[in-house]
Amino acid sequence: MTEIQIDTIGLLGGFLTTVCFIPQIIKILKTGHVRDISLYMYVVLTTGIVFWLIYGLLLWKLPIILANSASFILCFFIVVKKLLGRKDEI
């Protein structure tokens, strides 16, 4: 396989695993509820994404950098909304 083909596979995988957070964000924005979301899961996931982003930056691999940058923003948004919404759960 050529480098372009390999990068295309990486970009497609990164795109799909990044956009999977969008339905959750839409639901949060529509309902305003975050009580059924696991804070710990999203904190661990966001931390893992940061490590993947660092890894991508160290290797300078664009598919890894792009996917994990976008995923970090989306996951971080969910974590922040969960933390801000915790007062409503008490």
C-alpha atoms as a PDB file:
ATOM      1  CA  MET A   1       0.000   0.000   0.000  1.00  0.00           C
ATOM      2  CA  THR A   2       1.116   3.529  -0.675  1.00  0.00           C
ATOM      3  CA  GLU A   3       1.533   6.130   2.040  1.00  0.00           C
ATOM      4  CA  ILE A   4      -1.499   8.000   0.669  1.00  0.00           C
ATOM      5  CA  GLN A   5      -3.651   4.870   0.964  1.00  0.00           C
ATOM      6  CA  ILE A   6      -2.439   4.240   4.503  1.00  0.00           C
ATOM      7  CA  ASP A   7      -3.114   7.871   5.492  1.00  0.00           C
ATOM      8  CA  THR A   8      -6.573   7.659   3.898  1.00  0.00           C
ATOM      9  CA  ILE A   9      -7.396   4.615   6.038  1.00  0.00           C
ATOM     10  CA  GLY A  10      -6.132   6.486   9.099  1.00  0.00           C
ATOM     11  CA  LEU A  11      -8.168   9.577   8.232  1.00  0.00           C
ATOM     12  CA  LEU A  12     -11.337   7.529   7.693  1.00  0.00           C
ATOM     13  CA  GLY A  13     -10.872   5.670  10.962  1.00  0.00           C
ATOM     14  CA  GLY A  14     -10.143   8.908  12.772  1.00  0.00           C
ATOM     15  CA  PHE A  15     -13.168  10.599  11.229  1.00  0.00           C
ATOM     16  CA  LEU A  16     -15.534   7.814  12.232  1.00  0.00           C
ATOM     17  CA  THR A  17     -14.228   7.510  15.778  1.00  0.00           C
ATOM     18  CA  THR A  18     -14.418  11.281  16.171  1.00  0.00           C
ATOM     19  CA  VAL A  19     -17.930  11.869  14.834  1.00  0.00           C
ATOM     20  CA  CYS A  20     -19.300   9.164  17.134  1.00  0.00           C
ATOM     21  CA  PHE A  21     -19.288  11.783  19.932  1.00  0.00           C
ATOM     22  CA  ILE A  22     -21.536  14.182  18.024  1.00  0.00           C
ATOM     23  CA  PRO A  23     -24.852  12.384  18.760  1.00  0.00           C
ATOM     24  CA  GLN A  24     -24.048  12.508  22.495  1.00  0.00           C
ATOM     25  CA  ILE A  25     -23.260  16.219  22.291  1.00  0.00           C
ATOM     26  CA  ILE A  26     -26.465  16.894  20.354  1.00  0.00           C
ATOM     27  CA  LYS A  27     -28.453  15.030  23.005  1.00  0.00           C
ATOM     28  CA  ILE A  28     -26.768  17.011  25.788  1.00  0.00           C
ATOM     29  CA  LEU A  29     -27.510  20.284  24.018  1.00  0.00           C
ATOM     30  CA  LYS A  30     -31.142  19.326  23.308  1.00  0.00           C
ATOM     31  CA  THR A  31     -32.005  17.927  26.733  1.00  0.00           C
ATOM     32  CA  GLY A  32     -29.532  19.711  28.968  1.00  0.00           C
ATOM     33  CA  HIS A  33     -29.138  16.449  30.897  1.00  0.00           C
ATOM     34  CA  VAL A  34     -25.846  14.689  31.590  1.00  0.00           C
ATOM     35  CA  ARG A  35     -26.881  12.475  34.516  1.00  0.00           C
ATOM     36  CA  ASP A  36     -26.603   9.210  32.552  1.00  0.00           C
ATOM     37  CA  ILE A  37     -23.083   9.965  31.321  1.00  0.00           C
ATOM     38  CA  SER A  38     -20.167   8.399  33.155  1.00  0.00           C
ATOM     39  CA  LEU A  39     -17.753  11.149  34.170  1.00  0.00           C
ATOM     40  CA  TYR A  40     -14.994   8.654  34.948  1.00  0.00           C
ATOM     41  CA  MET A  41     -15.277   7.005  31.546  1.00  0.00           C
ATOM     42  CA  TYR A  42     -14.994  10.333  29.742  1.00  0.00           C
ATOM     43  CA  VAL A  43     -12.096  11.506  31.939  1.00  0.00           C
ATOM     44  CA  VAL A  44     -10.159   8.307  31.188  1.00  0.00           C
ATOM     45  CA  LEU A  45     -11.071   8.503  27.494  1.00  0.00           C
ATOM     46  CA  THR A  46     -10.045  12.166  27.269  1.00  0.00           C
ATOM     47  CA  THR A  47      -6.739  11.372  28.975  1.00  0.00           C
ATOM     48  CA  GLY A  48      -6.119   8.541  26.502  1.00  0.00           C
ATOM     49  CA  ILE A  49      -6.903  10.871  23.619  1.00  0.00           C
ATOM     50  CA  VAL A  50      -4.336  13.359  24.927  1.00  0.00           C
ATOM     51  CA  PHE A  51      -1.697  10.603  24.908  1.00  0.00           C
ATOM     52  CA  TRP A  52      -2.671   9.609  21.355  1.00  0.00           C
ATOM     53  CA  LEU A  53      -2.407  13.260  20.335  1.00  0.00           C
ATOM     54  CA  ILE A  54       1.061  13.545  21.870  1.00  0.00           C
ATOM     55  CA  TYR A  55       2.035  10.311  20.113  1.00  0.00           C
ATOM     56  CA  GLY A  56       0.794  11.686  16.789  1.00  0.00           C
ATOM     57  CA  LEU A  57       2.683  14.930  17.316  1.00  0.00           C
ATOM     58  CA  LEU A  58       5.891  13.086  18.167  1.00  0.00           C
ATOM     59  CA  LEU A  59       5.595  11.010  14.980  1.00  0.00           C
ATOM     60  CA  TRP A  60       4.126  13.931  13.059  1.00  0.00           C
ATOM     61  CA  LYS A  61       1.340  11.744  11.647  1.00  0.00           C
ATOM     62  CA  LEU A  62      -1.438  13.984  10.384  1.00  0.00           C
ATOM     63  CA  PRO A  63      -4.293  11.426  10.646  1.00  0.00           C
ATOM     64  CA  ILE A  64      -3.491  10.801  14.318  1.00  0.00           C
ATOM     65  CA  ILE A  65      -3.088  14.508  15.062  1.00  0.00           C
ATOM     66  CA  LEU A  66      -6.308  15.573  13.337  1.00  0.00           C
ATOM     67  CA  ALA A  67      -8.504  12.805  14.717  1.00  0.00           C
ATOM     68  CA  ASN A  68      -7.294  13.148  18.276  1.00  0.00           C
ATOM     69  CA  SER A  69      -7.376  16.941  18.261  1.00  0.00           C
ATOM     70  CA  ALA A  70     -11.029  16.872  17.218  1.00  0.00           C
ATOM     71  CA  SER A  71     -11.849  13.996  19.582  1.00  0.00           C
ATOM     72  CA  PHE A  72     -10.218  15.851  22.469  1.00  0.00           C
ATOM     73  CA  ILE A  73     -12.348  18.938  21.859  1.00  0.00           C
ATOM     74  CA  LEU A  74     -15.555  16.886  21.709  1.00  0.00           C
ATOM     75  CA  CYS A  75     -14.735  14.741  24.756  1.00  0.00           C
ATOM     76  CA  PHE A  76     -13.544  17.731  26.741  1.00  0.00           C
ATOM     77  CA  PHE A  77     -16.853  19.459  25.999  1.00  0.00           C
ATOM     78  CA  ILE A  78     -18.728  16.437  27.380  1.00  0.00           C
ATOM     79  CA  VAL A  79     -16.531  16.347  30.515  1.00  0.00           C
ATOM     80  CA  VAL A  80     -17.065  20.058  31.139  1.00  0.00           C
ATOM     81  CA  LYS A  81     -20.833  19.762  30.647  1.00  0.00           C
ATOM     82  CA  LYS A  82     -20.886  16.784  33.016  1.00  0.00           C
ATOM     83  CA  LEU A  83     -18.915  18.667  35.670  1.00  0.00           C
ATOM     84  CA  LEU A  84     -21.132  21.738  35.326  1.00  0.00           C
ATOM     85  CA  GLY A  85     -24.260  19.579  35.356  1.00  0.00           C
ATOM     86  CA  ARG A  86     -23.356  17.659  38.511  1.00  0.00           C
ATOM     87  CA  LYS A  87     -25.042  20.256  40.702  1.00  0.00           C
ATOM     88  CA  ASP A  88     -28.352  19.303  39.031  1.00  0.00           C
ATOM     89  CA  GLU A  89     -27.862  15.651  40.002  1.00  0.00           C
ATOM     90  CA  ILE A  90     -27.612  16.214  43.743  1.00  0.00           C
END
